[in-house]
Amino acid sequence: METRRSFLAGSAFLAAARPARTRIYGTSCSACCGSLNVKDPAFAGGAKGDGITNDTAAIQACFDTAFGPASAPHGVANSTQNASVYFPPGLYRVGQLTLTQVFGGHIFGEGTHASMLAWNGGFPRAPRSLLVANGLQDSRIEDIGFDLQSTRSNPNLTGINLIGNGPVSASGNVFSNLGFLNLVGGTCFNLGAGASSNLLASIEISNVGVGIKTTDPTAVNNNIIDGTFASPGAPLIWVAAGSISSVIGGQWAGNGSTDIGMRIDAGDTTIVGSRSEIFNNWVTINGGSLTMVACVCSAGGTSGKGFISMSGNQTRVLLDNVNNAGQANGVIVGTGTLEIRASTFTAPGQTNPAFAIAGFTGTLTRWRMPNTILANLPAPSASKVGMEVVVTDSGNPATAASFGQAVIGGGTNPALVRWNGSAWTVMGV
């Protein structure tokens, strides 16, 4: 027996320790643990996992036995009949697989590089998916890799397509320790109609087009924890509709001038404790809001890029305790409403922190910058009302006679000053 390790799902989630599980290395099913082995010959001769044989029929037969076929799924009423499905180590070549109305299912392998499904369906002319889950609720899929086998653009291909049509929704699922690679032009993981309140933990995405995408207004309150996203080009996370409520931990990496870490077109997203090496823009926001807390962008790519690109007067961004690790990029551009707290944007030889928002033309509601001296106070444009800083006069305190007056040197205390659109004025002494 083996005790499965648990993972911590950030401050908002606490995953309990998983029960002990029997690994099945042979080809027979194990009645005692209730798991079905895709290599069991009872399922259309059994999957081979040899990287050569088309294992679609065998794996689909195993799914149909575990959860009921599409014509008579176990659903909610007969969910106690479900059995777990186990993928022993192997490379399983498959076409499209389907899960239908699965409530409380469990599919697992031995790790993203040990148990791997490889797309065997070529370049479809109509949308196809390696795994379609039409109704999957309160279920777990874990420890499996997905090689989409696409070295040229394949826009009609999706790795996992999660939708909820019917009595079983597409909510409350945990997708843990999954890997996706080699998908140019397609989408690795699509959260479609009804895909809500799902947790994607320890997801690794490499050498792909779009990584994780929400495509329906009802795909809301989904959360991502501790992902690794390394791929050039299209957004690695794309909220086209609905929402991804939180992205906790994890790291983005890219190596091109057009890379985008995350694109937000809708919903309210919070990114916490993450790191980016994206050379272009870590986040492009066209709608909704973004709160970024305790994050670092350390890419040394194109100057003038690296953090946030805002579009539209309705977009809202709050940055709290974020910095650009002293790189030449790390700026905010575009329009909308922006608030910055306890954040540092610096560059080699750069003493004026206002460079970070030189390309921002929206409303800055507040920016409490690091303490500085009077000589280094930036001279921002009239639109940058809201910048605040504690200032001293080259080591000597600097104040003005009273609140609201323009700051001058030679006072007796440090002064908190605010840019009013035309001058730095005293807020407090």
Protein backbone atom coordinates (compact mmCIF):
# COMPACT_ATOMS: atom_id res chain seq x y z
CA MET A 1 0.00 0.00 0.00
CA GLU A 2 1.11 3.54 -0.69
CA THR A 3 -0.06 6.71 0.97
CA ARG A 4 -0.61 9.44 -1.61
CA ARG A 5 0.96 12.78 -0.71
CA SER A 6 -1.33 15.75 -0.16
CA PHE A 7 -0.74 19.20 -1.57
CA LEU A 8 -1.40 22.58 0.02
CA ALA A 9 -3.82 24.55 -2.07
CA GLY A 10 -2.85 28.03 -0.91
CA SER A 11 -4.37 30.01 1.92
CA ALA A 12 -7.89 29.60 0.57
CA PHE A 13 -7.78 25.81 0.36
CA LEU A 14 -6.68 23.01 2.65
CA ALA A 15 -6.45 19.58 1.07
CA ALA A 16 -6.81 16.67 3.44
CA ALA A 17 -4.44 13.72 3.25
CA ARG A 18 -5.56 11.25 0.62
CA PRO A 19 -6.41 7.70 1.56
CA ALA A 20 -4.03 4.86 0.92
CA ARG A 21 -4.10 3.43 -2.59
CA THR A 22 -2.95 0.20 -4.10
CA ARG A 23 -0.84 0.44 -7.21
CA ILE A 24 -1.78 -2.05 -9.87
CA TYR A 25 1.25 -3.14 -11.85
CA GLY A 26 -0.29 -6.19 -13.45
CA THR A 27 -3.06 -6.33 -16.03
CA SER A 28 -5.90 -7.49 -13.79
CA CYS A 29 -8.39 -5.29 -11.94
CA SER A 30 -8.27 -5.13 -8.16
CA ALA A 31 -11.64 -5.63 -6.52
CA CYS A 32 -10.26 -4.71 -3.12
CA CYS A 33 -9.25 -1.17 -4.09
CA GLY A 34 -11.93 -0.64 -6.72
CA SER A 35 -9.51 0.55 -9.42
CA LEU A 36 -9.60 -0.49 -13.04
CA ASN A 37 -6.34 -0.83 -14.95
CA VAL A 38 -6.47 0.43 -18.55
CA LYS A 39 -4.09 -2.40 -19.47
CA ASP A 40 -6.57 -5.09 -18.39
CA PRO A 41 -7.28 -7.31 -21.45
CA ALA A 42 -10.99 -7.19 -20.52
CA PHE A 43 -11.10 -3.71 -22.01
CA ALA A 44 -10.91 -4.25 -25.78
CA GLY A 45 -7.72 -6.25 -25.35
CA GLY A 46 -6.19 -3.74 -22.95
CA ALA A 47 -4.18 -0.63 -23.62
CA LYS A 48 -0.54 -1.30 -24.50
CA GLY A 49 1.06 2.01 -23.58
CA ASP A 50 3.96 1.21 -25.92
CA GLY A 51 3.95 4.51 -27.82
CA ILE A 52 2.96 2.74 -31.03
CA THR A 53 -0.44 1.07 -30.59
CA ASN A 54 -3.64 3.12 -30.85
CA ASP A 55 -5.08 2.63 -27.35
CA THR A 56 -8.26 4.69 -27.83
CA ALA A 57 -10.73 1.79 -27.83
CA ALA A 58 -9.21 0.07 -24.81
CA ILE A 59 -9.10 3.21 -22.67
CA GLN A 60 -12.62 4.27 -23.67
CA ALA A 61 -13.87 0.79 -22.76
CA CYS A 62 -12.24 1.15 -19.35
CA PHE A 63 -13.86 4.57 -18.86
CA ASP A 64 -17.25 3.19 -19.87
CA THR A 65 -16.95 0.37 -17.36
CA ALA A 66 -15.78 2.67 -14.57
CA PHE A 67 -18.37 5.44 -15.05
CA GLY A 68 -20.96 4.04 -17.40
CA PRO A 69 -21.11 4.53 -21.20
CA ALA A 70 -22.44 7.69 -22.83
CA SER A 71 -25.75 5.94 -23.45
CA ALA A 72 -26.21 5.00 -19.77
CA PRO A 73 -23.80 6.95 -17.53
CA HIS A 74 -23.80 6.30 -13.80
CA GLY A 75 -24.42 10.00 -13.19
CA VAL A 76 -25.45 11.06 -9.70
CA ALA A 77 -27.99 8.32 -8.93
CA ASN A 78 -25.54 5.46 -9.52
CA SER A 79 -22.28 7.19 -8.67
CA THR A 80 -21.55 4.57 -5.99
CA GLN A 81 -20.92 2.17 -8.88
CA ASN A 82 -17.96 4.24 -10.07
CA ALA A 83 -14.48 2.76 -10.01
CA SER A 84 -11.17 4.57 -10.18
CA VAL A 85 -9.20 4.31 -13.42
CA TYR A 86 -5.46 3.72 -13.22
CA PHE A 87 -2.86 4.40 -15.93
CA PRO A 88 0.34 2.42 -15.28
CA PRO A 89 3.55 3.97 -16.64
CA GLY A 90 3.46 4.09 -20.42
CA LEU A 91 2.91 6.23 -23.51
CA TYR A 92 -0.69 5.76 -24.64
CA ARG A 93 -1.50 6.93 -28.17
CA VAL A 94 -5.14 7.97 -28.39
CA GLY A 95 -7.73 9.83 -30.43
CA GLN A 96 -10.63 11.55 -28.69
CA LEU A 97 -11.70 10.11 -25.33
CA THR A 98 -15.00 10.99 -23.66
CA LEU A 99 -16.25 11.15 -20.08
CA THR A 100 -20.03 11.55 -19.81
CA GLN A 101 -21.94 12.64 -16.69
CA VAL A 102 -19.30 11.50 -14.19
CA PHE A 103 -20.03 12.37 -10.57
CA GLY A 104 -17.28 11.56 -8.07
CA GLY A 105 -14.81 10.01 -10.49
CA HIS A 106 -11.09 9.40 -10.08
CA ILE A 107 -8.51 8.96 -12.84
CA PHE A 108 -4.83 8.74 -11.96
CA GLY A 109 -1.42 7.75 -13.24
CA GLU A 110 2.15 7.65 -11.94
CA GLY A 111 3.27 11.16 -12.91
CA THR A 112 3.33 13.50 -15.88
CA HIS A 113 6.39 11.86 -17.45
CA ALA A 114 5.56 8.28 -16.51
CA SER A 115 1.87 7.94 -17.49
CA MET A 116 1.37 9.99 -20.64
CA LEU A 117 -1.43 10.26 -23.21
CA ALA A 118 -0.25 11.23 -26.69
CA TRP A 119 -2.61 12.60 -29.36
CA ASN A 120 -2.94 10.21 -32.29
CA GLY A 121 -5.66 12.02 -34.25
CA GLY A 122 -3.66 14.14 -36.65
CA PHE A 123 -4.80 17.65 -37.58
CA PRO A 124 -8.61 17.72 -37.26
CA ARG A 125 -10.67 19.98 -39.54
CA ALA A 126 -13.35 20.36 -36.88
CA PRO A 127 -12.77 20.97 -33.14
CA ARG A 128 -11.52 17.86 -31.38
CA SER A 129 -10.16 17.16 -27.90
CA LEU A 130 -7.94 14.48 -26.48
CA LEU A 131 -10.30 14.29 -23.50
CA VAL A 132 -13.85 15.67 -23.52
CA ALA A 133 -15.54 15.75 -20.11
CA ASN A 134 -19.22 16.45 -20.72
CA GLY A 135 -20.39 16.59 -17.14
CA LEU A 136 -17.65 16.02 -14.57
CA GLN A 137 -18.32 16.98 -10.97
CA ASP A 138 -16.55 16.50 -7.61
CA SER A 139 -13.93 14.37 -9.35
CA ARG A 140 -10.15 14.10 -9.49
CA ILE A 141 -7.76 13.66 -12.42
CA GLU A 142 -4.12 13.55 -11.39
CA ASP A 143 -0.55 12.48 -12.17
CA ILE A 144 -0.93 12.24 -15.96
CA GLY A 145 0.87 13.93 -18.87
CA PHE A 146 -0.67 15.03 -22.18
CA ASP A 147 1.53 15.23 -25.26
CA LEU A 148 -0.54 16.89 -27.99
CA GLN A 149 1.99 15.96 -30.70
CA SER A 150 1.64 19.21 -32.66
CA THR A 151 4.75 20.81 -34.14
CA ARG A 152 2.75 23.07 -36.48
CA SER A 153 -0.41 25.09 -35.88
CA ASN A 154 -3.34 22.91 -34.86
CA PRO A 155 -6.04 25.42 -33.75
CA ASN A 156 -8.86 22.84 -33.67
CA LEU A 157 -7.18 20.70 -31.02
CA THR A 158 -7.75 20.91 -27.25
CA GLY A 159 -6.11 18.79 -24.58
CA ILE A 160 -8.89 18.66 -21.95
CA ASN A 161 -12.29 20.21 -22.72
CA LEU A 162 -14.41 20.56 -19.57
CA ILE A 163 -18.10 21.39 -20.09
CA GLY A 164 -21.27 20.77 -18.09
CA ASN A 165 -24.35 19.90 -20.12
CA GLY A 166 -26.91 17.78 -18.29
CA PRO A 167 -27.68 16.84 -14.70
CA VAL A 168 -23.98 16.61 -13.78
CA SER A 169 -22.22 19.96 -13.79
CA ALA A 170 -18.57 20.73 -14.51
CA SER A 171 -17.72 22.01 -11.05
CA GLY A 172 -15.89 21.12 -7.86
CA ASN A 173 -13.15 19.12 -9.58
CA VAL A 174 -9.47 18.87 -8.69
CA PHE A 175 -6.95 18.54 -11.51
CA SER A 176 -3.58 17.87 -9.93
CA ASN A 177 -0.07 17.31 -11.27
CA LEU A 178 -0.96 17.35 -14.95
CA GLY A 179 1.50 18.20 -17.72
CA PHE A 180 0.77 19.55 -21.21
CA LEU A 181 3.26 19.93 -24.03
CA ASN A 182 3.63 20.26 -27.80
CA LEU A 183 0.46 22.02 -28.89
CA VAL A 184 1.00 24.85 -31.38
CA GLY A 185 -2.08 26.98 -32.02
CA GLY A 186 -4.52 25.02 -29.83
CA THR A 187 -5.60 25.13 -26.17
CA CYS A 188 -4.31 22.76 -23.51
CA PHE A 189 -7.16 23.06 -21.00
CA ASN A 190 -10.51 24.64 -21.86
CA LEU A 191 -12.98 25.60 -19.12
CA GLY A 192 -16.27 25.82 -21.01
CA ALA A 193 -19.96 26.11 -20.17
CA GLY A 194 -20.66 25.47 -16.49
CA ALA A 195 -17.02 24.85 -15.58
CA SER A 196 -16.99 26.58 -12.21
CA SER A 197 -15.21 26.30 -8.86
CA ASN A 198 -12.53 23.96 -10.19
CA LEU A 199 -9.01 23.73 -8.79
CA LEU A 200 -6.00 23.26 -11.07
CA ALA A 201 -2.96 22.47 -8.94
CA SER A 202 0.65 21.87 -10.03
CA ILE A 203 -0.10 22.18 -13.73
CA GLU A 204 2.94 22.20 -16.01
CA ILE A 205 2.59 23.72 -19.48
CA SER A 206 5.46 23.74 -21.97
CA ASN A 207 5.87 24.51 -25.67
CA VAL A 208 2.22 25.20 -26.40
CA GLY A 209 -0.15 27.87 -27.73
CA VAL A 210 -2.82 28.78 -25.18
CA GLY A 211 -2.40 27.02 -21.85
CA ILE A 212 -5.55 27.37 -19.71
CA LYS A 213 -8.58 29.22 -21.11
CA THR A 214 -12.08 30.06 -19.88
CA THR A 215 -14.49 30.45 -22.79
CA ASP A 216 -17.98 30.78 -21.31
CA PRO A 217 -19.59 33.37 -18.96
CA THR A 218 -20.66 30.52 -16.65
CA ALA A 219 -17.07 29.29 -16.22
CA VAL A 220 -16.48 31.22 -12.99
CA ASN A 221 -14.55 31.01 -9.72
CA ASN A 222 -11.85 28.70 -11.03
CA ASN A 223 -8.49 28.69 -9.26
CA ILE A 224 -4.91 27.83 -10.20
CA ILE A 225 -2.18 26.91 -7.72
CA ASP A 226 1.55 26.42 -8.19
CA GLY A 227 1.62 26.16 -11.98
CA THR A 228 4.69 26.24 -14.20
CA PHE A 229 4.10 27.97 -17.53
CA ALA A 230 6.94 28.08 -20.04
CA SER A 231 6.03 28.81 -23.62
CA PRO A 232 6.36 31.67 -26.11
CA GLY A 233 3.55 33.39 -27.97
CA ALA A 234 -0.13 33.08 -27.00
CA PRO A 235 -1.40 33.72 -23.45
CA LEU A 236 -0.48 30.92 -21.08
CA ILE A 237 -3.64 31.72 -19.09
CA TRP A 238 -6.54 33.41 -20.91
CA VAL A 239 -9.77 34.53 -19.24
CA ALA A 240 -11.84 35.10 -22.37
CA ALA A 241 -15.11 34.86 -20.40
CA GLY A 242 -16.19 33.87 -16.89
CA SER A 243 -13.39 34.15 -14.36
CA ILE A 244 -10.26 32.70 -12.83
CA SER A 245 -10.55 33.98 -9.29
CA SER A 246 -7.02 33.33 -8.12
CA VAL A 247 -3.59 32.31 -9.32
CA ILE A 248 -1.45 31.39 -6.30
CA GLY A 249 2.28 30.77 -6.56
CA GLY A 250 3.83 29.39 -9.71
CA GLN A 251 6.09 30.82 -12.37
CA TRP A 252 5.80 32.10 -15.93
CA ALA A 253 8.64 32.03 -18.46
CA GLY A 254 8.93 33.16 -22.07
CA ASN A 255 11.62 34.19 -24.49
CA GLY A 256 9.96 36.35 -27.11
CA SER A 257 9.00 40.00 -27.59
CA THR A 258 5.30 39.10 -27.98
CA ASP A 259 4.91 36.73 -25.03
CA ILE A 260 1.91 37.18 -22.73
CA GLY A 261 1.70 35.46 -19.38
CA MET A 262 -1.99 36.05 -18.68
CA ARG A 263 -4.75 37.77 -20.63
CA ILE A 264 -7.84 38.96 -18.72
CA ASP A 265 -10.92 39.95 -20.74
CA ALA A 266 -13.49 39.47 -17.96
CA GLY A 267 -13.93 38.76 -14.27
CA ASP A 268 -11.91 39.62 -11.19
CA THR A 269 -8.53 37.92 -10.76
CA THR A 270 -6.02 37.90 -7.91
CA ILE A 271 -2.42 36.79 -8.46
CA VAL A 272 -0.49 36.05 -5.26
CA GLY A 273 3.12 35.09 -4.66
CA SER A 274 3.99 34.46 -8.31
CA ARG A 275 7.10 35.13 -10.38
CA SER A 276 7.42 35.98 -14.05
CA GLU A 277 10.25 35.99 -16.55
CA ILE A 278 7.98 37.03 -19.42
CA PHE A 279 9.87 39.47 -21.66
CA ASN A 280 6.78 41.24 -23.00
CA ASN A 281 3.78 41.70 -20.68
CA TRP A 282 3.09 39.49 -17.72
CA VAL A 283 -0.60 40.45 -17.70
CA THR A 284 -2.68 42.09 -20.41
CA ILE A 285 -6.04 43.20 -19.02
CA ASN A 286 -8.86 44.25 -21.34
CA GLY A 287 -11.78 43.93 -18.91
CA GLY A 288 -12.56 43.20 -15.28
CA SER A 289 -10.01 43.73 -12.54
CA LEU A 290 -6.62 42.48 -11.36
CA THR A 291 -5.13 42.44 -7.87
CA MET A 292 -1.48 41.41 -7.76
CA VAL A 293 0.11 40.79 -4.35
CA ALA A 294 3.70 39.84 -3.42
CA CYS A 295 4.84 39.18 -6.98
CA VAL A 296 8.13 39.62 -8.85
CA CYS A 297 8.84 40.14 -12.54
CA SER A 298 12.52 39.38 -13.12
CA ALA A 299 12.67 39.28 -16.92
CA GLY A 300 15.41 41.37 -18.48
CA GLY A 301 13.76 41.70 -21.85
CA THR A 302 12.43 44.63 -23.83
CA SER A 303 12.67 47.94 -21.98
CA GLY A 304 9.26 49.49 -21.37
CA LYS A 305 7.49 46.17 -20.95
CA GLY A 306 7.20 43.48 -18.34
CA PHE A 307 4.31 44.01 -15.93
CA ILE A 308 0.86 45.23 -16.90
CA SER A 309 -0.76 46.38 -20.13
CA MET A 310 -4.21 47.89 -19.50
CA SER A 311 -6.87 48.58 -22.12
CA GLY A 312 -10.18 50.35 -21.56
CA ASN A 313 -11.36 52.84 -18.98
CA GLN A 314 -13.24 50.16 -17.04
CA THR A 315 -10.22 48.03 -16.21
CA ARG A 316 -8.99 48.18 -12.61
CA VAL A 317 -5.58 47.13 -11.29
CA LEU A 318 -4.20 47.09 -7.75
CA LEU A 319 -0.52 46.25 -7.23
CA ASP A 320 0.54 45.53 -3.65
CA ASN A 321 4.13 44.62 -2.77
CA VAL A 322 5.28 43.83 -6.30
CA ASN A 323 8.61 44.67 -7.91
CA ASN A 324 10.65 44.19 -11.04
CA ALA A 325 13.87 42.94 -9.41
CA GLY A 326 15.86 45.90 -10.72
CA GLN A 327 15.30 45.07 -14.38
CA ALA A 328 14.92 47.67 -17.12
CA ASN A 329 11.34 46.65 -17.79
CA GLY A 330 8.53 46.46 -15.24
CA VAL A 331 6.20 49.24 -16.31
CA ILE A 332 2.45 49.76 -16.52
CA VAL A 333 0.99 51.06 -19.77
CA GLY A 334 -2.49 51.82 -21.12
CA THR A 335 -5.60 53.26 -19.51
CA GLY A 336 -8.00 52.42 -16.69
CA THR A 337 -7.81 52.81 -12.90
CA LEU A 338 -4.55 52.00 -11.13
CA GLU A 339 -3.51 51.84 -7.48
CA ILE A 340 0.01 50.91 -6.33
CA ARG A 341 0.99 50.04 -2.75
CA ALA A 342 4.38 49.19 -1.26
CA SER A 343 5.81 48.37 -4.68
CA THR A 344 9.20 49.09 -6.22
CA PHE A 345 9.96 49.65 -9.91
CA THR A 346 13.60 50.37 -10.57
CA ALA A 347 16.08 50.04 -13.40
CA PRO A 348 19.88 50.28 -13.68
CA GLY A 349 20.81 53.96 -13.29
CA GLN A 350 17.16 54.99 -12.89
CA THR A 351 16.36 57.20 -9.86
CA ASN A 352 12.95 58.41 -10.99
CA PRO A 353 10.30 55.81 -10.08
CA ALA A 354 7.74 57.62 -12.22
CA PHE A 355 9.27 55.98 -15.30
CA ALA A 356 7.23 52.90 -14.40
CA ILE A 357 3.95 54.63 -15.32
CA ALA A 358 5.20 56.93 -18.07
CA GLY A 359 3.04 55.06 -20.58
CA PHE A 360 -0.07 54.95 -18.38
CA THR A 361 -2.76 57.48 -19.33
CA GLY A 362 -5.56 56.44 -17.01
CA THR A 363 -6.39 57.40 -13.41
CA LEU A 364 -3.80 56.78 -10.72
CA THR A 365 -5.76 56.70 -7.46
CA ARG A 366 -2.70 56.20 -5.25
CA TRP A 367 0.94 55.20 -5.34
CA ARG A 368 2.90 55.15 -2.11
CA MET A 369 6.47 55.06 -3.39
CA PRO A 370 9.65 54.20 -1.45
CA ASN A 371 11.14 57.01 0.62
CA THR A 372 13.38 59.38 -1.31
CA ILE A 373 15.22 62.69 -1.04
CA LEU A 374 13.90 65.99 -2.25
CA ALA A 375 16.29 66.16 -5.20
CA ASN A 376 14.98 62.84 -6.55
CA LEU A 377 11.28 63.65 -6.48
CA PRO A 378 9.96 62.74 -9.94
CA ALA A 379 8.10 65.30 -12.03
CA PRO A 380 5.16 63.23 -13.31
CA SER A 381 2.55 64.47 -15.74
CA ALA A 382 -0.65 66.18 -14.68
CA SER A 383 -2.57 62.91 -15.03
CA LYS A 384 -0.53 61.15 -12.34
CA VAL A 385 -2.35 62.68 -9.37
CA GLY A 386 -2.09 60.24 -6.45
CA MET A 387 1.65 59.63 -6.19
CA GLU A 388 2.77 59.78 -2.55
CA VAL A 389 6.21 59.58 -0.93
CA VAL A 390 7.99 60.37 2.33
CA VAL A 391 10.73 62.82 1.41
CA THR A 392 13.80 64.28 3.12
CA ASP A 393 16.17 67.02 1.93
CA SER A 394 19.44 65.22 1.06
CA GLY A 395 19.55 63.74 4.52
CA ASN A 396 17.98 66.77 6.19
CA PRO A 397 14.22 66.85 6.82
CA ALA A 398 12.00 68.64 4.33
CA THR A 399 8.59 70.14 5.04
CA ALA A 400 6.40 73.12 4.17
CA ALA A 401 4.70 75.59 6.45
CA SER A 402 1.35 73.78 6.45
CA PHE A 403 -0.77 71.06 4.89
CA GLY A 404 -1.35 71.45 1.14
CA GLN A 405 1.58 73.77 0.44
CA ALA A 406 4.32 72.95 -2.01
CA VAL A 407 7.18 71.06 -0.39
CA ILE A 408 10.40 72.98 0.32
CA GLY A 409 13.71 72.01 1.90
CA GLY A 410 15.23 72.84 5.22
CA GLY A 411 12.45 71.76 7.56
CA THR A 412 12.66 69.89 10.83
CA ASN A 413 10.80 66.64 9.98
CA PRO A 414 10.40 64.22 7.08
CA ALA A 415 7.31 65.06 5.05
CA LEU A 416 4.68 62.90 3.40
CA VAL A 417 4.01 64.58 0.07
CA ARG A 418 1.51 64.02 -2.73
CA TRP A 419 1.53 65.04 -6.38
CA ASN A 420 -1.53 67.20 -7.06
CA GLY A 421 -1.08 67.38 -10.81
CA SER A 422 1.21 70.37 -10.86
CA ALA A 423 3.33 70.23 -7.69
CA TRP A 424 4.37 68.05 -4.76
CA THR A 425 2.35 69.21 -1.75
CA VAL A 426 2.61 68.33 1.93
CA MET A 427 0.12 65.82 3.33
CA GLY A 428 1.70 65.32 6.73
CA VAL A 429 4.83 65.96 8.77
